[in-house]
PDB file of N, CA and C in Angstrom:
ATOM      1  N   MET A   1       0.700  -1.425  -0.104  1.00  0.00           N
ATOM      2  CA  MET A   1      -0.173  -0.066  -0.151  1.00  0.00           C
ATOM      3  C   MET A   1       1.232   1.340  -0.028  1.00  0.00           C
ATOM      4  N   GLN A   2       0.625   2.197  -0.733  1.00  0.00           N
ATOM      5  CA  GLN A   2       1.551   3.452  -0.803  1.00  0.00           C
ATOM      6  C   GLN A   2       0.483   4.549   0.005  1.00  0.00           C
ATOM      7  N   LEU A   3       1.512   5.225   0.798  1.00  0.00           N
ATOM      8  CA  LEU A   3       1.219   6.446   1.767  1.00  0.00           C
ATOM      9  C   LEU A   3       1.942   7.139   1.593  1.00  0.00           C
ATOM     10  N   GLY A   4       1.251   8.652   1.349  1.00  0.00           N
ATOM     11  CA  GLY A   4       2.610   9.619   0.715  1.00  0.00           C
ATOM     12  C   GLY A   4       3.845   9.266  -0.006  1.00  0.00           C
ATOM     13  N   GLY A   5       3.238   8.465  -0.939  1.00  0.00           N
ATOM     14  CA  GLY A   5       4.283   8.276  -2.173  1.00  0.00           C
ATOM     15  C   GLY A   5       4.848   7.300  -1.917  1.00  0.00           C
ATOM     16  N   HIS A   6       5.152   6.607  -0.847  1.00  0.00           N
ATOM     17  CA  HIS A   6       6.316   5.564  -0.478  1.00  0.00           C
ATOM     18  C   HIS A   6       5.257   4.047   0.348  1.00  0.00           C
ATOM     19  N   TRP A   7       5.885   3.123   0.023  1.00  0.00           N
ATOM     20  CA  TRP A   7       5.206   2.007   0.033  1.00  0.00           C
ATOM     21  C   TRP A   7       5.072   1.597   1.652  1.00  0.00           C
ATOM     22  N   GLN A   8       3.962   1.157   2.307  1.00  0.00           N
ATOM     23  CA  GLN A   8       3.877   0.734   3.578  1.00  0.00           C
ATOM     24  C   GLN A   8       3.531  -0.539   3.601  1.00  0.00           C
ATOM     25  N   SER A   9       4.086  -1.416   4.759  1.00  0.00           N
ATOM     26  CA  SER A   9       3.845  -2.264   5.470  1.00  0.00           C
ATOM     27  C   SER A   9       2.349  -2.750   5.429  1.00  0.00           C
ATOM     28  N   VAL A  10       1.330  -3.729   5.214  1.00  0.00           N
ATOM     29  CA  VAL A  10       0.420  -3.871   5.013  1.00  0.00           C
ATOM     30  C   VAL A  10      -0.060  -5.173   6.613  1.00  0.00           C
ATOM     31  N   THR A  11       1.721  -5.478   6.729  1.00  0.00           N
ATOM     32  CA  THR A  11       1.162  -6.583   8.497  1.00  0.00           C
ATOM     33  C   THR A  11       2.570  -6.066   9.182  1.00  0.00           C
ATOM     34  N   ASP A  12       2.473  -6.575  10.240  1.00  0.00           N
ATOM     35  CA  ASP A  12       3.329  -6.145  11.226  1.00  0.00           C
ATOM     36  C   ASP A  12       4.130  -7.399  11.239  1.00  0.00           C
ATOM     37  N   THR A  13       5.287  -7.258  10.759  1.00  0.00           N
ATOM     38  CA  THR A  13       6.320  -8.382  10.480  1.00  0.00           C
ATOM     39  C   THR A  13       6.815  -9.308  11.660  1.00  0.00           C
ATOM     40  N   ASN A  14       6.439  -8.274  12.883  1.00  0.00           N
ATOM     41  CA  ASN A  14       6.823  -9.183  14.290  1.00  0.00           C
ATOM     42  C   ASN A  14       5.772 -10.001  14.563  1.00  0.00           C
ATOM     43  N   VAL A  15       4.907 -10.022  13.790  1.00  0.00           N
ATOM     44  CA  VAL A  15       3.485 -10.744  14.410  1.00  0.00           C
ATOM     45  C   VAL A  15       3.049 -11.904  13.332  1.00  0.00           C
ATOM     46  N   VAL A  16       3.365 -11.379  11.777  1.00  0.00           N
ATOM     47  CA  VAL A  16       2.798 -12.707  10.737  1.00  0.00           C
ATOM     48  C   VAL A  16       3.867 -12.690   9.778  1.00  0.00           C
ATOM     49  N   THR A  17       4.020 -13.742   9.047  1.00  0.00           N
ATOM     50  CA  THR A  17       4.630 -13.821   8.133  1.00  0.00           C
ATOM     51  C   THR A  17       4.041 -14.181   6.880  1.00  0.00           C
ATOM     52  N   VAL A  18       3.886 -13.298   5.852  1.00  0.00           N
ATOM     53  CA  VAL A  18       3.460 -13.877   4.660  1.00  0.00           C
ATOM     54  C   VAL A  18       4.580 -14.939   3.877  1.00  0.00           C
ATOM     55  N   THR A  19       3.415 -16.366   3.782  1.00  0.00           N
ATOM     56  CA  THR A  19       4.342 -17.137   3.054  1.00  0.00           C
ATOM     57  C   THR A  19       3.708 -17.595   1.545  1.00  0.00           C
ATOM     58  N   ASP A  20       2.532 -17.131   1.150  1.00  0.00           N
ATOM     59  CA  ASP A  20       2.378 -17.422  -0.118  1.00  0.00           C
ATOM     60  C   ASP A  20       1.445 -16.113  -0.495  1.00  0.00           C
ATOM     61  N   PHE A  21       1.282 -15.765  -1.947  1.00  0.00           N
ATOM     62  CA  PHE A  21       0.367 -14.513  -2.331  1.00  0.00           C
ATOM     63  C   PHE A  21       0.378 -14.735  -3.616  1.00  0.00           C
ATOM     64  N   SER A  22      -0.962 -14.697  -4.430  1.00  0.00           N
ATOM     65  CA  SER A  22      -1.151 -14.912  -5.574  1.00  0.00           C
ATOM     66  C   SER A  22      -2.396 -13.691  -6.041  1.00  0.00           C
ATOM     67  N   VAL A  23      -2.331 -13.178  -6.816  1.00  0.00           N
ATOM     68  CA  VAL A  23      -3.237 -12.662  -8.334  1.00  0.00           C
ATOM     69  C   VAL A  23      -3.488 -13.096  -9.457  1.00  0.00           C
ATOM     70  N   THR A  24      -4.462 -13.494  -9.751  1.00  0.00           N
ATOM     71  CA  THR A  24      -4.599 -14.371 -11.080  1.00  0.00           C
ATOM     72  C   THR A  24      -5.740 -13.678 -11.742  1.00  0.00           C
ATOM     73  N   PRO A  25      -5.368 -13.356 -12.741  1.00  0.00           N
ATOM     74  CA  PRO A  25      -6.358 -12.806 -13.535  1.00  0.00           C
ATOM     75  C   PRO A  25      -7.491 -13.834 -14.050  1.00  0.00           C
ATOM     76  N   LEU A  26      -8.656 -13.004 -14.328  1.00  0.00           N
ATOM     77  CA  LEU A  26      -9.833 -14.715 -14.641  1.00  0.00           C
ATOM     78  C   LEU A  26     -10.839 -13.835 -15.578  1.00  0.00           C
ATOM     79  N   ILE A  27     -10.678 -13.770 -17.127  1.00  0.00           N
ATOM     80  CA  ILE A  27     -11.327 -13.418 -17.775  1.00  0.00           C
ATOM     81  C   ILE A  27     -12.317 -14.586 -19.120  1.00  0.00           C
ATOM     82  N   ALA A  28     -13.857 -14.021 -18.812  1.00  0.00           N
ATOM     83  CA  ALA A  28     -14.886 -14.235 -19.769  1.00  0.00           C
ATOM     84  C   ALA A  28     -15.240 -13.761 -20.975  1.00  0.00           C
ATOM     85  N   GLU A  29     -15.333 -14.629 -22.358  1.00  0.00           N
ATOM     86  CA  GLU A  29     -16.238 -13.636 -22.957  1.00  0.00           C
ATOM     87  C   GLU A  29     -17.216 -14.311 -23.644  1.00  0.00           C
ATOM     88  N   SER A  30     -18.293 -12.814 -23.807  1.00  0.00           N
ATOM     89  CA  SER A  30     -19.505 -13.232 -24.451  1.00  0.00           C
ATOM     90  C   SER A  30     -19.844 -12.694 -25.573  1.00  0.00           C
ATOM     91  N   ALA A  31     -20.547 -13.789 -26.536  1.00  0.00           N
ATOM     92  CA  ALA A  31     -20.631 -12.811 -27.762  1.00  0.00           C
ATOM     93  C   ALA A  31     -22.004 -11.604 -27.691  1.00  0.00           C
ATOM     94  N   VAL A  32     -21.664 -10.591 -27.951  1.00  0.00           N
ATOM     95  CA  VAL A  32     -22.622  -9.480 -28.022  1.00  0.00           C
ATOM     96  C   VAL A  32     -23.343  -9.353 -29.351  1.00  0.00           C
ATOM     97  N   VAL A  33     -24.463  -9.471 -29.869  1.00  0.00           N
ATOM     98  CA  VAL A  33     -24.925  -9.331 -31.078  1.00  0.00           C
ATOM     99  C   VAL A  33     -24.940  -7.590 -31.383  1.00  0.00           C
ATOM    100  N   SER A  34     -24.647  -7.607 -32.747  1.00  0.00           N
ATOM    101  CA  SER A  34     -24.451  -5.875 -33.130  1.00  0.00           C
ATOM    102  C   SER A  34     -24.501  -6.381 -34.525  1.00  0.00           C
ATOM    103  N   PRO A  35     -23.877  -4.929 -35.423  1.00  0.00           N
ATOM    104  CA  PRO A  35     -23.961  -5.310 -36.824  1.00  0.00           C
ATOM    105  C   PRO A  35     -22.108  -6.029 -36.760  1.00  0.00           C
ATOM    106  N   CYS A  36     -21.464  -5.514 -35.560  1.00  0.00           N
ATOM    107  CA  CYS A  36     -19.904  -6.114 -36.056  1.00  0.00           C
ATOM    108  C   CYS A  36     -20.084  -7.470 -35.067  1.00  0.00           C
ATOM    109  N   PRO A  37     -19.504  -8.558 -35.088  1.00  0.00           N
ATOM    110  CA  PRO A  37     -19.063  -9.482 -34.478  1.00  0.00           C
ATOM    111  C   PRO A  37     -18.318  -9.202 -33.020  1.00  0.00           C
ATOM    112  N   THR A  38     -18.436  -8.719 -32.041  1.00  0.00           N
ATOM    113  CA  THR A  38     -18.305  -8.099 -30.726  1.00  0.00           C
ATOM    114  C   THR A  38     -18.092  -9.653 -29.605  1.00  0.00           C
ATOM    115  N   ASP A  39     -17.233  -9.665 -28.520  1.00  0.00           N
ATOM    116  CA  ASP A  39     -16.853 -10.083 -27.721  1.00  0.00           C
ATOM    117  C   ASP A  39     -16.800  -8.885 -26.479  1.00  0.00           C
ATOM    118  N   LEU A  40     -17.596  -9.696 -25.420  1.00  0.00           N
ATOM    119  CA  LEU A  40     -17.469  -8.497 -24.278  1.00  0.00           C
ATOM    120  C   LEU A  40     -16.856  -9.481 -22.959  1.00  0.00           C
ATOM    121  N   GLN A  41     -15.770  -8.775 -22.649  1.00  0.00           N
ATOM    122  CA  GLN A  41     -15.028  -9.309 -21.726  1.00  0.00           C
ATOM    123  C   GLN A  41     -14.842  -8.896 -20.571  1.00  0.00           C
ATOM    124  N   SER A  42     -15.593  -9.996 -19.754  1.00  0.00           N
ATOM    125  CA  SER A  42     -15.944  -9.601 -18.366  1.00  0.00           C
ATOM    126  C   SER A  42     -14.609 -10.045 -17.222  1.00  0.00           C
ATOM    127  N   ARG A  43     -14.081  -9.289 -17.065  1.00  0.00           N
ATOM    128  CA  ARG A  43     -12.565  -9.792 -16.077  1.00  0.00           C
ATOM    129  C   ARG A  43     -13.017  -9.552 -14.731  1.00  0.00           C
ATOM    130  N   ARG A  44     -12.464 -10.518 -14.322  1.00  0.00           N
ATOM    131  CA  ARG A  44     -12.154 -10.976 -12.223  1.00  0.00           C
ATOM    132  C   ARG A  44     -10.781 -10.949 -11.864  1.00  0.00           C
ATOM    133  N   VAL A  45     -10.640 -11.089 -10.911  1.00  0.00           N
ATOM    134  CA  VAL A  45      -9.185 -11.504 -10.103  1.00  0.00           C
ATOM    135  C   VAL A  45      -9.323 -12.094  -9.072  1.00  0.00           C
ATOM    136  N   ALA A  46      -8.795 -13.114  -9.157  1.00  0.00           N
ATOM    137  CA  ALA A  46      -8.937 -14.228  -7.806  1.00  0.00           C
ATOM    138  C   ALA A  46      -7.511 -13.886  -7.332  1.00  0.00           C
ATOM    139  N   ILE A  47      -7.714 -13.594  -5.389  1.00  0.00           N
ATOM    140  CA  ILE A  47      -6.882 -13.180  -4.952  1.00  0.00           C
ATOM    141  C   ILE A  47      -6.534 -14.277  -3.764  1.00  0.00           C
ATOM    142  N   ALA A  48      -5.333 -14.441  -3.327  1.00  0.00           N
ATOM    143  CA  ALA A  48      -4.915 -15.506  -2.351  1.00  0.00           C
ATOM    144  C   ALA A  48      -3.844 -15.365  -1.388  1.00  0.00           C
ATOM    145  N   ILE A  49      -4.031 -15.269  -0.159  1.00  0.00           N
ATOM    146  CA  ILE A  49      -2.912 -14.672   0.640  1.00  0.00           C
ATOM    147  C   ILE A  49      -2.913 -16.089   1.852  1.00  0.00           C
ATOM    148  N   THR A  50      -1.637 -16.291   2.022  1.00  0.00           N
ATOM    149  CA  THR A  50      -1.539 -17.625   3.454  1.00  0.00           C
ATOM    150  C   THR A  50      -0.437 -16.842   4.549  1.00  0.00           C
ATOM    151  N   ALA A  51      -0.346 -16.895   5.435  1.00  0.00           N
ATOM    152  CA  ALA A  51       0.001 -16.094   6.251  1.00  0.00           C
ATOM    153  C   ALA A  51       0.527 -17.031   7.732  1.00  0.00           C
ATOM    154  N   ALA A  52       1.535 -16.667   8.522  1.00  0.00           N
ATOM    155  CA  ALA A  52       2.037 -17.756   9.543  1.00  0.00           C
ATOM    156  C   ALA A  52       2.275 -17.147  10.775  1.00  0.00           C
ATOM    157  N   SER A  53       1.942 -17.109  11.850  1.00  0.00           N
ATOM    158  CA  SER A  53       2.349 -16.209  13.006  1.00  0.00           C
ATOM    159  C   SER A  53       3.945 -16.836  13.085  1.00  0.00           C
ATOM    160  N   THR A  54       4.396 -15.348  13.744  1.00  0.00           N
ATOM    161  CA  THR A  54       6.250 -15.615  13.997  1.00  0.00           C
ATOM    162  C   THR A  54       6.409 -15.977  15.424  1.00  0.00           C
ATOM    163  N   SER A  55       5.594 -16.499  16.393  1.00  0.00           N
ATOM    164  CA  SER A  55       5.556 -16.977  17.492  1.00  0.00           C
ATOM    165  C   SER A  55       5.342 -18.814  17.409  1.00  0.00           C
ATOM    166  N   ASP A  56       4.326 -18.835  16.479  1.00  0.00           N
ATOM    167  CA  ASP A  56       4.334 -20.409  16.424  1.00  0.00           C
ATOM    168  C   ASP A  56       3.579 -20.553  14.886  1.00  0.00           C
ATOM    169  N   SER A  57       4.693 -21.237  14.005  1.00  0.00           N
ATOM    170  CA  SER A  57       4.560 -21.604  12.655  1.00  0.00           C
ATOM    171  C   SER A  57       3.423 -22.579  12.492  1.00  0.00           C
ATOM    172  N   ARG A  58       2.819 -23.217  13.681  1.00  0.00           N
ATOM    173  CA  ARG A  58       1.743 -23.868  13.233  1.00  0.00           C
ATOM    174  C   ARG A  58       0.524 -23.268  13.146  1.00  0.00           C
ATOM    175  N   THR A  59       0.463 -21.779  13.740  1.00  0.00           N
ATOM    176  CA  THR A  59      -0.525 -21.097  13.287  1.00  0.00           C
ATOM    177  C   THR A  59      -0.525 -20.810  11.814  1.00  0.00           C
ATOM    178  N   THR A  60      -1.459 -21.134  10.968  1.00  0.00           N
ATOM    179  CA  THR A  60      -1.581 -20.090   9.602  1.00  0.00           C
ATOM    180  C   THR A  60      -2.954 -20.112   9.181  1.00  0.00           C
ATOM    181  N   ARG A  61      -2.831 -19.346   8.368  1.00  0.00           N
ATOM    182  CA  ARG A  61      -4.012 -18.826   8.098  1.00  0.00           C
ATOM    183  C   ARG A  61      -4.353 -18.527   6.239  1.00  0.00           C
ATOM    184  N   SER A  62      -5.470 -18.996   5.803  1.00  0.00           N
ATOM    185  CA  SER A  62      -5.388 -18.352   4.407  1.00  0.00           C
ATOM    186  C   SER A  62      -7.049 -17.517   3.835  1.00  0.00           C
ATOM    187  N   LEU A  63      -6.480 -17.001   3.133  1.00  0.00           N
ATOM    188  CA  LEU A  63      -7.749 -16.310   2.792  1.00  0.00           C
ATOM    189  C   LEU A  63      -7.772 -16.297   1.420  1.00  0.00           C
ATOM    190  N   ARG A  64      -8.892 -17.008   0.308  1.00  0.00           N
ATOM    191  CA  ARG A  64      -9.334 -16.610  -1.172  1.00  0.00           C
ATOM    192  C   ARG A  64     -10.656 -15.771  -1.525  1.00  0.00           C
ATOM    193  N   THR A  65     -10.254 -14.527  -2.027  1.00  0.00           N
ATOM    194  CA  THR A  65     -11.210 -13.860  -2.324  1.00  0.00           C
ATOM    195  C   THR A  65     -11.488 -13.841  -4.237  1.00  0.00           C
ATOM    196  N   THR A  66     -12.713 -13.499  -4.998  1.00  0.00           N
ATOM    197  CA  THR A  66     -12.548 -13.195  -6.152  1.00  0.00           C
ATOM    198  C   THR A  66     -13.169 -11.887  -6.643  1.00  0.00           C
ATOM    199  N   THR A  67     -12.627 -11.069  -7.084  1.00  0.00           N
ATOM    200  CA  THR A  67     -13.437  -9.853  -7.241  1.00  0.00           C
ATOM    201  C   THR A  67     -13.717  -9.597  -8.256  1.00  0.00           C
ATOM    202  N   GLN A  68     -14.844  -8.943  -8.982  1.00  0.00           N
ATOM    203  CA  GLN A  68     -14.954  -8.532 -10.314  1.00  0.00           C
ATOM    204  C   GLN A  68     -14.201  -6.927 -10.724  1.00  0.00           C
ATOM    205  N   VAL A  69     -13.649  -7.075 -11.622  1.00  0.00           N
ATOM    206  CA  VAL A  69     -12.424  -5.533 -12.414  1.00  0.00           C
ATOM    207  C   VAL A  69     -14.256  -4.725 -12.411  1.00  0.00           C
ATOM    208  N   ARG A  70     -14.014  -3.598 -12.195  1.00  0.00           N
ATOM    209  CA  ARG A  70     -15.195  -2.668 -12.485  1.00  0.00           C
ATOM    210  C   ARG A  70     -15.295  -2.436 -13.792  1.00  0.00           C
ATOM    211  N   ALA A  71     -14.883  -2.300 -14.920  1.00  0.00           N
ATOM    212  CA  ALA A  71     -14.704  -1.968 -16.043  1.00  0.00           C
ATOM    213  C   ALA A  71     -14.869  -3.381 -17.120  1.00  0.00           C
ATOM    214  N   ASP A  72     -15.751  -3.651 -18.113  1.00  0.00           N
ATOM    215  CA  ASP A  72     -15.466  -4.682 -18.778  1.00  0.00           C
ATOM    216  C   ASP A  72     -15.130  -4.186 -19.841  1.00  0.00           C
ATOM    217  N   THR A  73     -14.628  -5.206 -21.067  1.00  0.00           N
ATOM    218  CA  THR A  73     -14.128  -4.201 -22.408  1.00  0.00           C
ATOM    219  C   THR A  73     -14.573  -5.084 -23.402  1.00  0.00           C
ATOM    220  N   LEU A  74     -14.842  -4.585 -24.519  1.00  0.00           N
ATOM    221  CA  LEU A  74     -14.906  -4.839 -26.013  1.00  0.00           C
ATOM    222  C   LEU A  74     -13.917  -5.314 -26.887  1.00  0.00           C
ATOM    223  N   ALA A  75     -14.037  -6.174 -27.488  1.00  0.00           N
ATOM    224  CA  ALA A  75     -13.048  -6.962 -28.418  1.00  0.00           C
ATOM    225  C   ALA A  75     -13.544  -7.405 -29.485  1.00  0.00           C
ATOM    226  N   GLU A  76     -13.860  -5.870 -30.616  1.00  0.00           N
ATOM    227  CA  GLU A  76     -14.294  -5.877 -31.484  1.00  0.00           C
ATOM    228  C   GLU A  76     -13.340  -6.531 -32.578  1.00  0.00           C
ATOM    229  N   SER A  77     -13.949  -7.650 -33.193  1.00  0.00           N
ATOM    230  CA  SER A  77     -13.623  -7.763 -35.105  1.00  0.00           C
ATOM    231  C   SER A  77     -13.608  -6.861 -36.155  1.00  0.00           C
ATOM    232  N   CYS A  78     -14.575  -5.972 -36.079  1.00  0.00           N
ATOM    233  CA  CYS A  78     -14.789  -5.443 -37.322  1.00  0.00           C
ATOM    234  C   CYS A  78     -13.449  -4.958 -37.545  1.00  0.00           C
ATOM    235  N   PRO A  79     -13.589  -4.251 -39.232  1.00  0.00           N
ATOM    236  CA  PRO A  79     -12.428  -3.846 -40.057  1.00  0.00           C
ATOM    237  C   PRO A  79     -12.617  -2.230 -39.198  1.00  0.00           C
ATOM    238  N   ALA A  80     -11.928  -1.484 -39.326  1.00  0.00           N
ATOM    239  CA  ALA A  80     -12.027  -0.177 -39.259  1.00  0.00           C
ATOM    240  C   ALA A  80     -12.806   0.880 -40.215  1.00  0.00           C
TER     241      ALA A  80
END
């Protein structure tokens, strides 16, 4: 996270250690009926994070979520 133009920690490294973090783009295309063949791309992002306690490595937690990107896109195949 950026604060005042500088990157800031989002966790306290004295308490937890992030052991895995991933962001995976997911794209689904749908045909749109129009004079030109067009595909509507709905974009989502899958996010996963796993962390372990620094005082007890047996204590781990994972979080996974999927969220939609606000703006869908059109992939037109019509000549200009």
